N, C-alpha and C. Protein backbone atom coordinates (compact mmCIF):
# COMPACT_ATOMS: atom_id res chain seq x y z
N MET A 1 11.20 10.23 -1.83
CA MET A 1 10.51 9.10 -2.42
C MET A 1 10.68 7.90 -1.49
N LEU A 2 9.58 7.27 -1.16
CA LEU A 2 9.62 6.10 -0.30
C LEU A 2 9.66 4.83 -1.13
N PRO A 3 10.29 3.81 -0.63
CA PRO A 3 10.32 2.53 -1.36
C PRO A 3 9.05 1.73 -1.11
N CYS A 4 7.93 2.21 -1.63
CA CYS A 4 6.64 1.53 -1.46
C CYS A 4 6.17 1.06 -2.82
N ASN A 5 6.24 -0.24 -3.03
CA ASN A 5 5.87 -0.81 -4.32
C ASN A 5 4.38 -1.08 -4.39
N VAL A 6 3.76 -0.56 -5.44
CA VAL A 6 2.35 -0.79 -5.71
C VAL A 6 2.27 -1.41 -7.10
N VAL A 7 1.56 -2.53 -7.19
CA VAL A 7 1.43 -3.24 -8.46
C VAL A 7 -0.05 -3.35 -8.82
N LEU A 8 -0.40 -2.93 -10.03
CA LEU A 8 -1.75 -3.08 -10.57
C LEU A 8 -1.70 -4.18 -11.62
N ARG A 9 -2.62 -5.12 -11.52
CA ARG A 9 -2.62 -6.25 -12.45
C ARG A 9 -4.04 -6.45 -12.96
N GLY A 10 -4.19 -6.44 -14.28
CA GLY A 10 -5.49 -6.69 -14.89
C GLY A 10 -5.84 -8.17 -14.81
N GLU A 11 -7.04 -8.45 -14.33
CA GLU A 11 -7.53 -9.83 -14.22
C GLU A 11 -8.94 -9.87 -14.81
N GLY A 12 -9.00 -10.11 -16.10
CA GLY A 12 -10.31 -10.09 -16.76
C GLY A 12 -10.87 -8.68 -16.76
N PHE A 13 -12.07 -8.53 -16.18
CA PHE A 13 -12.71 -7.22 -16.10
C PHE A 13 -12.40 -6.51 -14.79
N ARG A 14 -11.49 -7.07 -14.01
CA ARG A 14 -11.14 -6.50 -12.71
C ARG A 14 -9.67 -6.11 -12.69
N THR A 15 -9.31 -5.32 -11.70
CA THR A 15 -7.92 -4.94 -11.48
C THR A 15 -7.52 -5.33 -10.06
N SER A 16 -6.43 -6.05 -9.95
CA SER A 16 -5.90 -6.46 -8.66
C SER A 16 -4.82 -5.46 -8.24
N ILE A 17 -4.83 -5.06 -6.98
CA ILE A 17 -3.86 -4.11 -6.46
C ILE A 17 -3.08 -4.78 -5.34
N SER A 18 -1.76 -4.79 -5.48
CA SER A 18 -0.87 -5.34 -4.45
C SER A 18 0.04 -4.22 -3.96
N ILE A 19 0.19 -4.14 -2.65
CA ILE A 19 1.05 -3.11 -2.06
C ILE A 19 2.04 -3.80 -1.13
N ALA A 20 3.33 -3.51 -1.33
CA ALA A 20 4.37 -4.05 -0.45
C ALA A 20 4.28 -3.38 0.91
N ASP A 21 4.52 -4.14 1.95
CA ASP A 21 4.48 -3.63 3.32
C ASP A 21 5.72 -2.76 3.58
N PRO A 22 5.54 -1.48 3.88
CA PRO A 22 6.68 -0.60 4.15
C PRO A 22 7.56 -1.09 5.30
N HIS A 23 6.97 -1.79 6.28
CA HIS A 23 7.75 -2.32 7.39
C HIS A 23 8.78 -3.34 6.88
N GLU A 24 8.41 -4.08 5.85
CA GLU A 24 9.33 -5.07 5.26
C GLU A 24 10.44 -4.39 4.46
N LEU A 25 10.09 -3.29 3.81
CA LEU A 25 11.05 -2.60 2.95
C LEU A 25 12.00 -1.69 3.73
N MET A 26 11.54 -1.19 4.88
CA MET A 26 12.35 -0.29 5.71
C MET A 26 12.38 -0.88 7.12
N ASP A 27 13.12 -1.96 7.31
CA ASP A 27 13.06 -2.67 8.58
C ASP A 27 14.07 -2.21 9.63
N ALA A 28 14.89 -1.24 9.30
CA ALA A 28 15.84 -0.71 10.28
C ALA A 28 15.08 0.09 11.34
N PRO A 29 15.48 -0.01 12.60
CA PRO A 29 14.81 0.74 13.67
C PRO A 29 14.72 2.24 13.41
N ALA A 30 15.69 2.79 12.72
CA ALA A 30 15.67 4.23 12.43
C ALA A 30 14.49 4.63 11.55
N PHE A 31 13.91 3.66 10.83
CA PHE A 31 12.80 3.95 9.92
C PHE A 31 11.44 3.53 10.48
N ALA A 32 11.38 3.13 11.74
CA ALA A 32 10.14 2.61 12.32
C ALA A 32 8.98 3.60 12.19
N GLU A 33 9.21 4.84 12.56
CA GLU A 33 8.13 5.85 12.49
C GLU A 33 7.73 6.12 11.05
N LEU A 34 8.71 6.25 10.17
CA LEU A 34 8.44 6.52 8.76
C LEU A 34 7.68 5.36 8.11
N SER A 35 8.10 4.14 8.39
CA SER A 35 7.42 2.99 7.78
C SER A 35 6.01 2.83 8.33
N ALA A 36 5.79 3.16 9.60
CA ALA A 36 4.44 3.11 10.17
C ALA A 36 3.52 4.13 9.51
N GLU A 37 4.04 5.32 9.29
CA GLU A 37 3.24 6.36 8.62
C GLU A 37 2.94 5.97 7.18
N ALA A 38 3.93 5.44 6.48
CA ALA A 38 3.73 5.01 5.09
C ALA A 38 2.70 3.88 5.03
N ALA A 39 2.78 2.92 5.95
CA ALA A 39 1.82 1.82 5.99
C ALA A 39 0.41 2.34 6.23
N HIS A 40 0.27 3.27 7.15
CA HIS A 40 -1.04 3.85 7.44
C HIS A 40 -1.62 4.55 6.21
N ARG A 41 -0.81 5.33 5.54
CA ARG A 41 -1.28 6.06 4.35
C ARG A 41 -1.65 5.11 3.21
N LEU A 42 -0.86 4.06 3.02
CA LEU A 42 -1.17 3.10 1.96
C LEU A 42 -2.45 2.33 2.28
N LYS A 43 -2.66 1.94 3.53
CA LYS A 43 -3.89 1.25 3.93
C LYS A 43 -5.10 2.15 3.74
N THR A 44 -4.94 3.42 4.07
CA THR A 44 -6.03 4.39 3.89
C THR A 44 -6.38 4.53 2.41
N ALA A 45 -5.36 4.63 1.57
CA ALA A 45 -5.59 4.75 0.13
C ALA A 45 -6.28 3.50 -0.41
N LEU A 46 -5.82 2.33 0.01
CA LEU A 46 -6.43 1.08 -0.44
C LEU A 46 -7.88 0.97 0.03
N ALA A 47 -8.15 1.37 1.24
CA ALA A 47 -9.51 1.34 1.77
C ALA A 47 -10.43 2.29 0.99
N SER A 48 -9.90 3.45 0.59
CA SER A 48 -10.72 4.38 -0.18
C SER A 48 -11.08 3.82 -1.54
N LEU A 49 -10.18 3.03 -2.12
CA LEU A 49 -10.49 2.37 -3.40
C LEU A 49 -11.57 1.32 -3.20
N ASP A 50 -11.52 0.61 -2.10
CA ASP A 50 -12.53 -0.40 -1.80
C ASP A 50 -13.90 0.27 -1.65
N ASP A 51 -13.94 1.46 -1.02
CA ASP A 51 -15.19 2.19 -0.87
C ASP A 51 -15.76 2.59 -2.23
N ILE A 52 -14.90 2.93 -3.16
CA ILE A 52 -15.35 3.32 -4.51
C ILE A 52 -15.97 2.12 -5.22
N VAL A 53 -15.33 0.97 -5.10
CA VAL A 53 -15.78 -0.23 -5.79
C VAL A 53 -17.06 -0.77 -5.18
N THR A 54 -17.11 -0.83 -3.85
CA THR A 54 -18.26 -1.44 -3.19
C THR A 54 -19.38 -0.44 -2.93
N GLY A 55 -19.05 0.87 -3.03
CA GLY A 55 -19.98 1.96 -2.91
C GLY A 55 -20.88 1.89 -1.77
């Protein structure tokens, strides 16, 4: 389990999504590769949600 915080917040008829930066959560040099991969995957997931909304 990675320490990647994702927060969903209802704002009227919309939902706001906030994702913590894995580089900030795992800033030790030993985790550089892991945090980069986690950041890439989270950005990809967020982008896919944007594609669904904006179609």
